[in-house]
Amino acid sequence: MGALTLYMRAGCHLCEEMHQALLPWQGRLGFSLELVDIDASANLVERFNTLVPVLMSGDTEICHYFLDEKALQDHFRIG
């Protein structure tokens, strides 16, 4: 159905919470989920430093900080 990327960092409780909140939706909507630690790349730190966690579909941001279930559902209805 699609591929999403969760930009996160180790030790971030909001990142872990969003990841866990995405798991049931992954089963329902059938998307793949790539986890990317932004601290592995200076470019990603510059882009996302204070926004993590950030859920993206390609270059499109779906949400950040907390899982926005409506935005996630809307993304898959439109995308």
N, C-alpha and C. Protein backbone atom coordinates (compact mmCIF):
# COMPACT_ATOMS: atom_id res chain seq x y z
N MET A 1 0.83 -1.21 0.00
CA MET A 1 0.00 0.00 0.00
C MET A 1 0.86 1.25 0.00
N GLY A 2 2.04 1.19 0.60
CA GLY A 2 2.91 2.35 0.62
C GLY A 2 4.04 2.16 1.60
N ALA A 3 4.94 3.09 1.55
CA ALA A 3 6.10 3.04 2.44
C ALA A 3 6.18 4.35 3.21
N LEU A 4 6.35 4.22 4.52
CA LEU A 4 6.51 5.39 5.38
C LEU A 4 7.86 5.32 6.05
N THR A 5 8.36 6.48 6.44
CA THR A 5 9.62 6.58 7.16
C THR A 5 9.37 7.33 8.46
N LEU A 6 9.85 6.76 9.55
CA LEU A 6 9.78 7.42 10.84
C LEU A 6 11.19 7.88 11.20
N TYR A 7 11.38 9.20 11.16
CA TYR A 7 12.65 9.78 11.57
C TYR A 7 12.61 9.95 13.08
N MET A 8 13.62 9.41 13.74
CA MET A 8 13.62 9.35 15.20
C MET A 8 15.04 9.41 15.71
N ARG A 9 15.19 9.29 17.01
CA ARG A 9 16.53 9.17 17.60
C ARG A 9 16.45 8.25 18.80
N ALA A 10 17.56 7.61 19.09
CA ALA A 10 17.64 6.67 20.21
C ALA A 10 17.41 7.42 21.52
N GLY A 11 16.67 6.77 22.43
CA GLY A 11 16.43 7.35 23.73
C GLY A 11 15.33 8.39 23.77
N CYS A 12 14.63 8.58 22.69
CA CYS A 12 13.55 9.57 22.60
C CYS A 12 12.23 8.89 22.93
N HIS A 13 11.61 9.25 24.05
CA HIS A 13 10.37 8.59 24.44
C HIS A 13 9.22 8.90 23.48
N LEU A 14 9.18 10.11 22.91
CA LEU A 14 8.14 10.42 21.93
C LEU A 14 8.31 9.56 20.67
N CYS A 15 9.55 9.30 20.31
CA CYS A 15 9.83 8.47 19.13
C CYS A 15 9.33 7.05 19.36
N GLU A 16 9.63 6.51 20.53
CA GLU A 16 9.17 5.16 20.86
C GLU A 16 7.64 5.10 20.90
N GLU A 17 7.02 6.12 21.46
CA GLU A 17 5.56 6.14 21.54
C GLU A 17 4.93 6.18 20.16
N MET A 18 5.49 6.99 19.25
CA MET A 18 4.93 7.04 17.90
C MET A 18 5.14 5.71 17.19
N HIS A 19 6.31 5.11 17.35
CA HIS A 19 6.58 3.82 16.72
C HIS A 19 5.56 2.78 17.19
N GLN A 20 5.34 2.70 18.49
CA GLN A 20 4.38 1.73 19.03
C GLN A 20 2.96 2.03 18.56
N ALA A 21 2.60 3.31 18.46
CA ALA A 21 1.27 3.69 18.00
C ALA A 21 1.06 3.35 16.53
N LEU A 22 2.14 3.31 15.76
CA LEU A 22 2.04 3.00 14.33
C LEU A 22 1.84 1.51 14.05
N LEU A 23 2.29 0.65 14.95
CA LEU A 23 2.26 -0.79 14.67
C LEU A 23 0.86 -1.32 14.35
N PRO A 24 -0.19 -0.99 15.11
CA PRO A 24 -1.52 -1.49 14.74
C PRO A 24 -2.00 -0.93 13.39
N TRP A 25 -1.64 0.32 13.12
CA TRP A 25 -2.04 0.93 11.84
C TRP A 25 -1.30 0.26 10.67
N GLN A 26 -0.08 -0.15 10.91
CA GLN A 26 0.68 -0.83 9.87
C GLN A 26 -0.03 -2.11 9.46
N GLY A 27 -0.55 -2.85 10.45
CA GLY A 27 -1.31 -4.06 10.15
C GLY A 27 -2.59 -3.77 9.40
N ARG A 28 -3.29 -2.70 9.78
CA ARG A 28 -4.57 -2.35 9.14
C ARG A 28 -4.41 -1.81 7.74
N LEU A 29 -3.41 -0.93 7.57
CA LEU A 29 -3.27 -0.23 6.30
C LEU A 29 -2.24 -0.87 5.37
N GLY A 30 -1.39 -1.74 5.90
CA GLY A 30 -0.47 -2.50 5.06
C GLY A 30 0.73 -1.73 4.54
N PHE A 31 1.17 -0.69 5.23
CA PHE A 31 2.34 0.05 4.76
C PHE A 31 3.62 -0.54 5.37
N SER A 32 4.72 -0.33 4.67
CA SER A 32 6.02 -0.69 5.25
C SER A 32 6.51 0.52 6.04
N LEU A 33 7.32 0.26 7.04
CA LEU A 33 7.80 1.33 7.92
C LEU A 33 9.30 1.21 8.09
N GLU A 34 10.00 2.24 7.67
CA GLU A 34 11.44 2.30 7.85
C GLU A 34 11.74 3.24 9.02
N LEU A 35 12.56 2.79 9.95
CA LEU A 35 12.98 3.60 11.08
C LEU A 35 14.36 4.16 10.77
N VAL A 36 14.50 5.49 10.87
CA VAL A 36 15.77 6.13 10.56
C VAL A 36 16.20 6.97 11.75
N ASP A 37 17.38 6.66 12.29
CA ASP A 37 17.95 7.43 13.39
C ASP A 37 18.63 8.67 12.79
N ILE A 38 18.08 9.84 13.09
CA ILE A 38 18.61 11.06 12.47
C ILE A 38 20.03 11.36 12.91
N ASP A 39 20.44 10.85 14.07
CA ASP A 39 21.77 11.15 14.57
C ASP A 39 22.88 10.47 13.76
N ALA A 40 22.51 9.62 12.82
CA ALA A 40 23.49 8.97 11.95
C ALA A 40 23.88 9.87 10.77
N SER A 41 23.20 11.01 10.62
CA SER A 41 23.45 11.88 9.47
C SER A 41 23.35 13.35 9.89
N ALA A 42 24.39 14.10 9.65
CA ALA A 42 24.38 15.53 9.97
C ALA A 42 23.26 16.25 9.22
N ASN A 43 22.99 15.84 7.99
CA ASN A 43 21.93 16.46 7.19
C ASN A 43 20.56 16.23 7.83
N LEU A 44 20.34 15.01 8.33
CA LEU A 44 19.04 14.71 8.96
C LEU A 44 18.91 15.44 10.30
N VAL A 45 20.00 15.56 11.04
CA VAL A 45 19.95 16.31 12.30
C VAL A 45 19.58 17.76 12.00
N GLU A 46 20.20 18.33 10.98
CA GLU A 46 19.90 19.72 10.60
C GLU A 46 18.43 19.87 10.18
N ARG A 47 17.92 18.90 9.48
CA ARG A 47 16.55 18.98 8.96
C ARG A 47 15.48 18.72 10.03
N PHE A 48 15.71 17.72 10.91
CA PHE A 48 14.66 17.26 11.82
C PHE A 48 14.97 17.43 13.31
N ASN A 49 16.07 18.01 13.68
CA ASN A 49 16.57 17.99 15.05
C ASN A 49 15.50 18.14 16.13
N THR A 50 14.75 19.21 16.12
CA THR A 50 13.78 19.45 17.20
C THR A 50 12.38 18.95 16.86
N LEU A 51 12.20 18.36 15.69
CA LEU A 51 10.87 17.89 15.28
C LEU A 51 10.62 16.42 15.56
N VAL A 52 11.65 15.64 15.86
CA VAL A 52 11.46 14.19 15.99
C VAL A 52 10.49 13.85 17.10
N PRO A 53 9.75 12.81 16.90
CA PRO A 53 9.68 11.97 15.72
C PRO A 53 8.90 12.65 14.58
N VAL A 54 9.30 12.33 13.36
CA VAL A 54 8.62 12.85 12.17
C VAL A 54 8.25 11.66 11.30
N LEU A 55 6.96 11.56 10.94
CA LEU A 55 6.48 10.51 10.06
C LEU A 55 6.33 11.09 8.66
N MET A 56 7.02 10.46 7.72
CA MET A 56 7.04 10.96 6.34
C MET A 56 6.62 9.88 5.36
N SER A 57 6.06 10.33 4.26
CA SER A 57 5.83 9.49 3.09
C SER A 57 6.57 10.17 1.95
N GLY A 58 7.73 9.65 1.61
CA GLY A 58 8.57 10.35 0.64
C GLY A 58 8.97 11.70 1.22
N ASP A 59 8.65 12.78 0.50
CA ASP A 59 8.97 14.13 0.96
C ASP A 59 7.80 14.79 1.67
N THR A 60 6.71 14.06 1.88
CA THR A 60 5.51 14.60 2.50
C THR A 60 5.47 14.26 3.98
N GLU A 61 5.41 15.30 4.81
CA GLU A 61 5.28 15.07 6.25
C GLU A 61 3.83 14.75 6.57
N ILE A 62 3.62 13.65 7.29
CA ILE A 62 2.29 13.29 7.75
C ILE A 62 2.03 13.90 9.12
N CYS A 63 3.01 13.78 10.03
CA CYS A 63 2.87 14.37 11.36
C CYS A 63 4.22 14.34 12.06
N HIS A 64 4.30 15.07 13.16
CA HIS A 64 5.49 15.01 14.00
C HIS A 64 5.08 15.14 15.46
N TYR A 65 5.98 14.76 16.34
CA TYR A 65 5.81 14.70 17.80
C TYR A 65 4.89 13.56 18.24
N PHE A 66 3.64 13.54 17.75
CA PHE A 66 2.66 12.53 18.13
C PHE A 66 1.98 12.01 16.87
N LEU A 67 1.55 10.76 16.90
CA LEU A 67 0.84 10.19 15.75
C LEU A 67 -0.51 10.88 15.60
N ASP A 68 -0.71 11.47 14.44
CA ASP A 68 -2.00 12.07 14.09
C ASP A 68 -2.74 11.02 13.26
N GLU A 69 -3.62 10.28 13.91
CA GLU A 69 -4.30 9.16 13.24
C GLU A 69 -5.15 9.64 12.08
N LYS A 70 -5.78 10.79 12.21
CA LYS A 70 -6.60 11.32 11.12
C LYS A 70 -5.72 11.65 9.91
N ALA A 71 -4.58 12.29 10.15
CA ALA A 71 -3.66 12.62 9.06
C ALA A 71 -3.15 11.35 8.39
N LEU A 72 -2.89 10.32 9.17
CA LEU A 72 -2.43 9.04 8.61
C LEU A 72 -3.51 8.43 7.74
N GLN A 73 -4.74 8.40 8.23
CA GLN A 73 -5.85 7.85 7.45
C GLN A 73 -6.09 8.68 6.19
N ASP A 74 -6.06 10.00 6.33
CA ASP A 74 -6.25 10.87 5.16
C ASP A 74 -5.17 10.64 4.12
N HIS A 75 -3.95 10.44 4.56
CA HIS A 75 -2.84 10.19 3.63
C HIS A 75 -3.13 8.96 2.78
N PHE A 76 -3.62 7.90 3.38
CA PHE A 76 -3.85 6.69 2.62
C PHE A 76 -5.14 6.74 1.81
N ARG A 77 -6.06 7.60 2.15
CA ARG A 77 -7.26 7.80 1.32
C ARG A 77 -6.93 8.56 0.06
N ILE A 78 -6.00 9.52 0.19
CA ILE A 78 -5.65 10.38 -0.93
C ILE A 78 -4.51 9.77 -1.75
N GLY A 79 -3.49 9.26 -1.01
CA GLY A 79 -2.25 8.80 -1.66
C GLY A 79 -2.37 7.50 -2.38
